Amino acid sequence: MSAPVVPRFTQVKLGWSRFLDPHVDDRLIAEEGEYVLDEIRRHWVTRLWPAIRVLLGMAALAAMPLLGHFWWAAMALGLVLGVQGFWRMHVEYMDRFVVTNLRVFRVNGVLEQRFASMPLSRVLDMSMQRPFWGQIFGYASFVFESAAQEQGLREIDFVGEPDARLHLFQQVVIRAGLTGRVDAADIASGD
């Protein structure tokens, strides 16, 4: 009689590295042969406004000598703008959307990480919306429809290279056998 197979769980990395990187590879189910097809980071345009805040903070700090006794106001404003700008840039960096051979998932958050996952078999429909600025700067939003409408993967905003990513996702769904494929011979025969 053979011993029962007990699943082996890997230790999740702890410590400061969790605040600096979302560790997407730790979320994979290696025992099932899962691997990453595409790891999507937020488009660079999401870091534009935080970078402007950092520059405004630097300008406020540079203005400190010009303000005499009110130098402290410029220092406080500069520090607040700089810290807030760098924080928002890091939050955008930590937001990842991942397409694997088995599922799609999203990891986001710095102090409190959130994880949402959906197997490919649950994806009923996907649409892409490209706003005016998205057409100029090259980003779009993807909207996923599934049987359970309320989930953390409903809308993924600011996806770069949207056409290539849409094509990849459609390939993954087709290869998974989740859509009906019609051959030319089937059309000709009327089946």
C-alpha atoms as a PDB file:
ATOM      1  CA  MET A   1       0.000   0.000   0.000  1.00  0.00           C
ATOM      2  CA  SER A   2       1.496   3.316  -1.032  1.00  0.00           C
ATOM      3  CA  ALA A   3       1.544   6.383   1.147  1.00  0.00           C
ATOM      4  CA  PRO A   4      -0.998   9.118   0.349  1.00  0.00           C
ATOM      5  CA  VAL A   5       0.307  12.042  -1.633  1.00  0.00           C
ATOM      6  CA  VAL A   6       0.533  15.087   0.595  1.00  0.00           C
ATOM      7  CA  PRO A   7       0.718  18.441  -1.167  1.00  0.00           C
ATOM      8  CA  ARG A   8       3.945  20.285  -0.524  1.00  0.00           C
ATOM      9  CA  PHE A   9       3.561  23.973   0.193  1.00  0.00           C
ATOM     10  CA  THR A  10       6.446  26.301  -0.420  1.00  0.00           C
ATOM     11  CA  GLN A  11       7.341  28.971   2.076  1.00  0.00           C
ATOM     12  CA  VAL A  12       6.213  32.410   1.032  1.00  0.00           C
ATOM     13  CA  LYS A  13       8.965  34.995   1.188  1.00  0.00           C
ATOM     14  CA  LEU A  14       8.624  37.259   4.183  1.00  0.00           C
ATOM     15  CA  GLY A  15      10.378  40.441   5.176  1.00  0.00           C
ATOM     16  CA  TRP A  16      11.081  43.736   3.507  1.00  0.00           C
ATOM     17  CA  SER A  17      11.228  42.277   0.009  1.00  0.00           C
ATOM     18  CA  ARG A  18       7.407  41.922   0.069  1.00  0.00           C
ATOM     19  CA  PHE A  19       7.141  45.730   0.096  1.00  0.00           C
ATOM     20  CA  LEU A  20       9.495  46.159  -2.851  1.00  0.00           C
ATOM     21  CA  ASP A  21       8.356  43.477  -5.311  1.00  0.00           C
ATOM     22  CA  PRO A  22       5.029  41.625  -5.733  1.00  0.00           C
ATOM     23  CA  HIS A  23       6.804  38.226  -6.133  1.00  0.00           C
ATOM     24  CA  VAL A  24       4.614  36.943  -8.952  1.00  0.00           C
ATOM     25  CA  ASP A  25       6.559  33.677  -9.224  1.00  0.00           C
ATOM     26  CA  ASP A  26       5.568  32.762  -5.655  1.00  0.00           C
ATOM     27  CA  ARG A  27       1.920  32.725  -6.724  1.00  0.00           C
ATOM     28  CA  LEU A  28       2.367  30.085  -9.435  1.00  0.00           C
ATOM     29  CA  ILE A  29       1.154  26.526  -8.923  1.00  0.00           C
ATOM     30  CA  ALA A  30       4.341  24.786 -10.009  1.00  0.00           C
ATOM     31  CA  GLU A  31       2.954  21.339  -9.139  1.00  0.00           C
ATOM     32  CA  GLU A  32       0.355  21.779 -11.905  1.00  0.00           C
ATOM     33  CA  GLY A  33       2.903  22.986 -14.440  1.00  0.00           C
ATOM     34  CA  GLU A  34       1.729  26.590 -14.360  1.00  0.00           C
ATOM     35  CA  TYR A  35       3.997  29.159 -15.976  1.00  0.00           C
ATOM     36  CA  VAL A  36       3.763  32.849 -16.814  1.00  0.00           C
ATOM     37  CA  LEU A  37       2.850  33.778 -20.376  1.00  0.00           C
ATOM     38  CA  ASP A  38       2.729  37.521 -19.771  1.00  0.00           C
ATOM     39  CA  GLU A  39       3.280  39.745 -16.751  1.00  0.00           C
ATOM     40  CA  ILE A  40       1.626  43.081 -17.376  1.00  0.00           C
ATOM     41  CA  ARG A  41       2.787  46.148 -15.494  1.00  0.00           C
ATOM     42  CA  ARG A  42       0.840  49.379 -15.519  1.00  0.00           C
ATOM     43  CA  HIS A  43       1.616  51.733 -18.400  1.00  0.00           C
ATOM     44  CA  TRP A  44       4.216  54.444 -17.800  1.00  0.00           C
ATOM     45  CA  VAL A  45       1.553  57.134 -18.125  1.00  0.00           C
ATOM     46  CA  THR A  46       0.270  56.161 -14.643  1.00  0.00           C
ATOM     47  CA  ARG A  47       3.540  57.434 -13.176  1.00  0.00           C
ATOM     48  CA  LEU A  48       3.393  60.782 -14.982  1.00  0.00           C
ATOM     49  CA  TRP A  49       1.302  62.693 -12.428  1.00  0.00           C
ATOM     50  CA  PRO A  50       3.268  61.314  -9.441  1.00  0.00           C
ATOM     51  CA  ALA A  51       6.504  62.372 -11.187  1.00  0.00           C
ATOM     52  CA  ILE A  52       5.089  65.882 -11.618  1.00  0.00           C
ATOM     53  CA  ARG A  53       4.360  65.937  -7.863  1.00  0.00           C
ATOM     54  CA  VAL A  54       7.966  64.973  -7.132  1.00  0.00           C
ATOM     55  CA  LEU A  55       9.224  67.757  -9.416  1.00  0.00           C
ATOM     56  CA  LEU A  56       6.910  70.281  -7.713  1.00  0.00           C
ATOM     57  CA  GLY A  57       8.251  69.095  -4.358  1.00  0.00           C
ATOM     58  CA  MET A  58      11.811  69.638  -5.578  1.00  0.00           C
ATOM     59  CA  ALA A  59      10.871  73.147  -6.752  1.00  0.00           C
ATOM     60  CA  ALA A  60       9.396  73.896  -3.337  1.00  0.00           C
ATOM     61  CA  LEU A  61      12.590  72.710  -1.647  1.00  0.00           C
ATOM     62  CA  ALA A  62      14.665  74.838  -4.029  1.00  0.00           C
ATOM     63  CA  ALA A  63      12.552  77.870  -3.101  1.00  0.00           C
ATOM     64  CA  MET A  64      13.387  77.561   0.618  1.00  0.00           C
ATOM     65  CA  PRO A  65      16.232  80.161   0.640  1.00  0.00           C
ATOM     66  CA  LEU A  66      14.002  82.703  -1.088  1.00  0.00           C
ATOM     67  CA  LEU A  67      11.311  82.626   1.605  1.00  0.00           C
ATOM     68  CA  GLY A  68      13.349  83.870   4.558  1.00  0.00           C
ATOM     69  CA  HIS A  69      11.640  83.036   7.856  1.00  0.00           C
ATOM     70  CA  PHE A  70       8.988  80.951   6.067  1.00  0.00           C
ATOM     71  CA  TRP A  71      11.511  78.431   4.750  1.00  0.00           C
ATOM     72  CA  TRP A  72       9.792  75.745   6.832  1.00  0.00           C
ATOM     73  CA  ALA A  73       6.556  76.046   4.791  1.00  0.00           C
ATOM     74  CA  ALA A  74       8.425  75.350   1.547  1.00  0.00           C
ATOM     75  CA  MET A  75      10.255  72.448   3.192  1.00  0.00           C
ATOM     76  CA  ALA A  76       7.024  70.912   4.488  1.00  0.00           C
ATOM     77  CA  LEU A  77       5.300  71.322   1.114  1.00  0.00           C
ATOM     78  CA  GLY A  78       8.311  69.895  -0.721  1.00  0.00           C
ATOM     79  CA  LEU A  79       8.547  66.863   1.556  1.00  0.00           C
ATOM     80  CA  VAL A  80       4.817  66.138   1.385  1.00  0.00           C
ATOM     81  CA  LEU A  81       4.717  66.397  -2.411  1.00  0.00           C
ATOM     82  CA  GLY A  82       7.910  64.360  -2.828  1.00  0.00           C
ATOM     83  CA  VAL A  83       6.917  61.546  -0.482  1.00  0.00           C
ATOM     84  CA  GLN A  84       3.403  61.348  -1.898  1.00  0.00           C
ATOM     85  CA  GLY A  85       4.719  61.298  -5.488  1.00  0.00           C
ATOM     86  CA  PHE A  86       7.261  58.540  -4.801  1.00  0.00           C
ATOM     87  CA  TRP A  87       4.627  56.539  -2.898  1.00  0.00           C
ATOM     88  CA  ARG A  88       2.152  56.699  -5.822  1.00  0.00           C
ATOM     89  CA  MET A  89       4.888  55.632  -8.251  1.00  0.00           C
ATOM     90  CA  HIS A  90       5.657  52.624  -6.070  1.00  0.00           C
ATOM     91  CA  VAL A  91       1.965  51.688  -5.761  1.00  0.00           C
ATOM     92  CA  GLU A  92       1.703  51.713  -9.567  1.00  0.00           C
ATOM     93  CA  TYR A  93       4.870  49.602  -9.830  1.00  0.00           C
ATOM     94  CA  MET A  94       3.460  46.961  -7.452  1.00  0.00           C
ATOM     95  CA  ASP A  95       0.263  46.478  -9.504  1.00  0.00           C
ATOM     96  CA  ARG A  96       0.691  43.409 -11.758  1.00  0.00           C
ATOM     97  CA  PHE A  97      -1.710  41.513 -13.978  1.00  0.00           C
ATOM     98  CA  VAL A  98      -0.482  38.056 -14.959  1.00  0.00           C
ATOM     99  CA  VAL A  99      -1.638  35.658 -17.673  1.00  0.00           C
ATOM    100  CA  THR A 100      -0.549  32.053 -17.170  1.00  0.00           C
ATOM    101  CA  ASN A 101      -1.338  28.863 -19.018  1.00  0.00           C
ATOM    102  CA  LEU A 102      -4.029  28.038 -16.396  1.00  0.00           C
ATOM    103  CA  ARG A 103      -5.482  31.319 -15.131  1.00  0.00           C
ATOM    104  CA  VAL A 104      -5.279  35.072 -14.934  1.00  0.00           C
ATOM    105  CA  PHE A 105      -4.476  36.851 -11.686  1.00  0.00           C
ATOM    106  CA  ARG A 106      -3.737  40.273 -10.299  1.00  0.00           C
ATOM    107  CA  VAL A 107      -1.463  41.257  -7.428  1.00  0.00           C
ATOM    108  CA  ASN A 108      -1.515  44.810  -6.140  1.00  0.00           C
ATOM    109  CA  GLY A 109      -0.912  46.825  -3.008  1.00  0.00           C
ATOM    110  CA  VAL A 110       2.136  47.669  -0.932  1.00  0.00           C
ATOM    111  CA  LEU A 111       1.285  47.572   2.771  1.00  0.00           C
ATOM    112  CA  GLU A 112      -1.710  45.315   2.210  1.00  0.00           C
ATOM    113  CA  GLN A 113      -1.292  43.099  -0.825  1.00  0.00           C
ATOM    114  CA  ARG A 114      -4.422  41.968  -2.637  1.00  0.00           C
ATOM    115  CA  PHE A 115      -4.588  38.904  -4.847  1.00  0.00           C
ATOM    116  CA  ALA A 116      -7.419  38.016  -7.232  1.00  0.00           C
ATOM    117  CA  SER A 117      -7.413  34.972  -9.492  1.00  0.00           C
ATOM    118  CA  MET A 118      -9.710  33.525 -12.129  1.00  0.00           C
ATOM    119  CA  PRO A 119      -9.246  30.252 -14.032  1.00  0.00           C
ATOM    120  CA  LEU A 120      -9.368  30.553 -17.801  1.00  0.00           C
ATOM    121  CA  SER A 121     -12.477  28.362 -17.847  1.00  0.00           C
ATOM    122  CA  ARG A 122     -14.424  31.095 -15.989  1.00  0.00           C
ATOM    123  CA  VAL A 123     -13.682  33.811 -18.542  1.00  0.00           C
ATOM    124  CA  LEU A 124     -16.842  34.208 -20.595  1.00  0.00           C
ATOM    125  CA  ASP A 125     -15.965  37.352 -22.493  1.00  0.00           C
ATOM    126  CA  MET A 126     -13.294  40.005 -22.670  1.00  0.00           C
ATOM    127  CA  SER A 127     -13.463  43.457 -24.194  1.00  0.00           C
ATOM    128  CA  MET A 128     -10.898  46.173 -24.746  1.00  0.00           C
ATOM    129  CA  GLN A 129     -11.621  49.871 -24.360  1.00  0.00           C
ATOM    130  CA  ARG A 130      -9.107  52.377 -25.675  1.00  0.00           C
ATOM    131  CA  PRO A 131      -9.853  55.989 -24.698  1.00  0.00           C
ATOM    132  CA  PHE A 132      -8.652  59.000 -26.681  1.00  0.00           C
ATOM    133  CA  TRP A 133      -5.480  59.411 -24.604  1.00  0.00           C
ATOM    134  CA  GLY A 134      -4.938  55.665 -24.737  1.00  0.00           C
ATOM    135  CA  GLN A 135      -4.848  55.826 -28.520  1.00  0.00           C
ATOM    136  CA  ILE A 136      -2.212  58.547 -28.362  1.00  0.00           C
ATOM    137  CA  PHE A 137      -0.012  57.012 -25.632  1.00  0.00           C
ATOM    138  CA  GLY A 138      -0.633  53.326 -26.422  1.00  0.00           C
ATOM    139  CA  TYR A 139      -2.694  51.912 -23.540  1.00  0.00           C
ATOM    140  CA  ALA A 140      -6.155  50.443 -23.048  1.00  0.00           C
ATOM    141  CA  SER A 141      -8.454  48.916 -20.432  1.00  0.00           C
ATOM    142  CA  PHE A 142      -9.510  45.279 -20.465  1.00  0.00           C
ATOM    143  CA  VAL A 143     -12.893  44.262 -19.060  1.00  0.00           C
ATOM    144  CA  PHE A 144     -13.401  40.598 -18.139  1.00  0.00           C
ATOM    145  CA  GLU A 145     -16.846  39.071 -17.869  1.00  0.00           C
ATOM    146  CA  SER A 146     -17.370  35.897 -15.895  1.00  0.00           C
ATOM    147  CA  ALA A 147     -20.228  34.040 -14.239  1.00  0.00           C
ATOM    148  CA  ALA A 148     -19.395  35.739 -10.940  1.00  0.00           C
ATOM    149  CA  GLN A 149     -19.635  39.419 -11.850  1.00  0.00           C
ATOM    150  CA  GLU A 150     -18.058  40.824  -8.691  1.00  0.00           C
ATOM    151  CA  GLN A 151     -14.400  39.910  -8.559  1.00  0.00           C
ATOM    152  CA  GLY A 152     -11.063  41.700  -8.413  1.00  0.00           C
ATOM    153  CA  LEU A 153     -10.370  41.061 -12.080  1.00  0.00           C
ATOM    154  CA  ARG A 154     -13.323  42.788 -13.705  1.00  0.00           C
ATOM    155  CA  GLU A 155     -11.393  45.742 -15.097  1.00  0.00           C
ATOM    156  CA  ILE A 156      -7.663  46.111 -15.691  1.00  0.00           C
ATOM    157  CA  ASP A 157      -6.703  49.682 -16.574  1.00  0.00           C
ATOM    158  CA  PHE A 158      -3.653  51.178 -18.282  1.00  0.00           C
ATOM    159  CA  VAL A 159      -2.458  48.073 -20.132  1.00  0.00           C
ATOM    160  CA  GLY A 160       0.415  48.834 -22.506  1.00  0.00           C
ATOM    161  CA  GLU A 161       0.685  47.227 -25.956  1.00  0.00           C
ATOM    162  CA  PRO A 162      -3.031  46.379 -25.871  1.00  0.00           C
ATOM    163  CA  ASP A 163      -3.344  44.818 -29.327  1.00  0.00           C
ATOM    164  CA  ALA A 164      -0.547  42.311 -28.720  1.00  0.00           C
ATOM    165  CA  ARG A 165      -1.904  41.511 -25.263  1.00  0.00           C
ATOM    166  CA  LEU A 166      -5.439  41.027 -26.603  1.00  0.00           C
ATOM    167  CA  HIS A 167      -4.097  38.669 -29.273  1.00  0.00           C
ATOM    168  CA  LEU A 168      -2.097  36.689 -26.677  1.00  0.00           C
ATOM    169  CA  PHE A 169      -5.067  36.334 -24.370  1.00  0.00           C
ATOM    170  CA  GLN A 170      -7.315  35.155 -27.205  1.00  0.00           C
ATOM    171  CA  GLN A 171      -4.680  32.576 -28.169  1.00  0.00           C
ATOM    172  CA  VAL A 172      -4.511  31.310 -24.593  1.00  0.00           C
ATOM    173  CA  VAL A 173      -8.281  30.913 -24.394  1.00  0.00           C
ATOM    174  CA  ILE A 174      -8.432  29.101 -27.758  1.00  0.00           C
ATOM    175  CA  ARG A 175      -5.565  26.762 -26.865  1.00  0.00           C
ATOM    176  CA  ALA A 176      -7.254  25.954 -23.587  1.00  0.00           C
ATOM    177  CA  GLY A 177     -10.188  24.677 -25.635  1.00  0.00           C
ATOM    178  CA  LEU A 178     -12.633  27.066 -24.080  1.00  0.00           C
ATOM    179  CA  THR A 179     -14.057  28.371 -27.331  1.00  0.00           C
ATOM    180  CA  GLY A 180     -15.644  26.400 -30.115  1.00  0.00           C
ATOM    181  CA  ARG A 181     -13.403  26.174 -33.120  1.00  0.00           C
ATOM    182  CA  VAL A 182     -15.062  25.821 -36.481  1.00  0.00           C
ATOM    183  CA  ASP A 183     -13.054  24.372 -39.343  1.00  0.00           C
ATOM    184  CA  ALA A 184     -13.663  25.332 -42.955  1.00  0.00           C
ATOM    185  CA  ALA A 185     -14.765  21.745 -43.683  1.00  0.00           C
ATOM    186  CA  ASP A 186     -17.513  22.073 -41.043  1.00  0.00           C
ATOM    187  CA  ILE A 187     -18.842  25.212 -42.706  1.00  0.00           C
ATOM    188  CA  ALA A 188     -18.853  23.599 -46.154  1.00  0.00           C
ATOM    189  CA  SER A 189     -20.666  20.494 -44.936  1.00  0.00           C
ATOM    190  CA  GLY A 190     -23.266  22.490 -42.995  1.00  0.00           C
ATOM    191  CA  ASP A 191     -22.454  20.886 -39.596  1.00  0.00           C
END
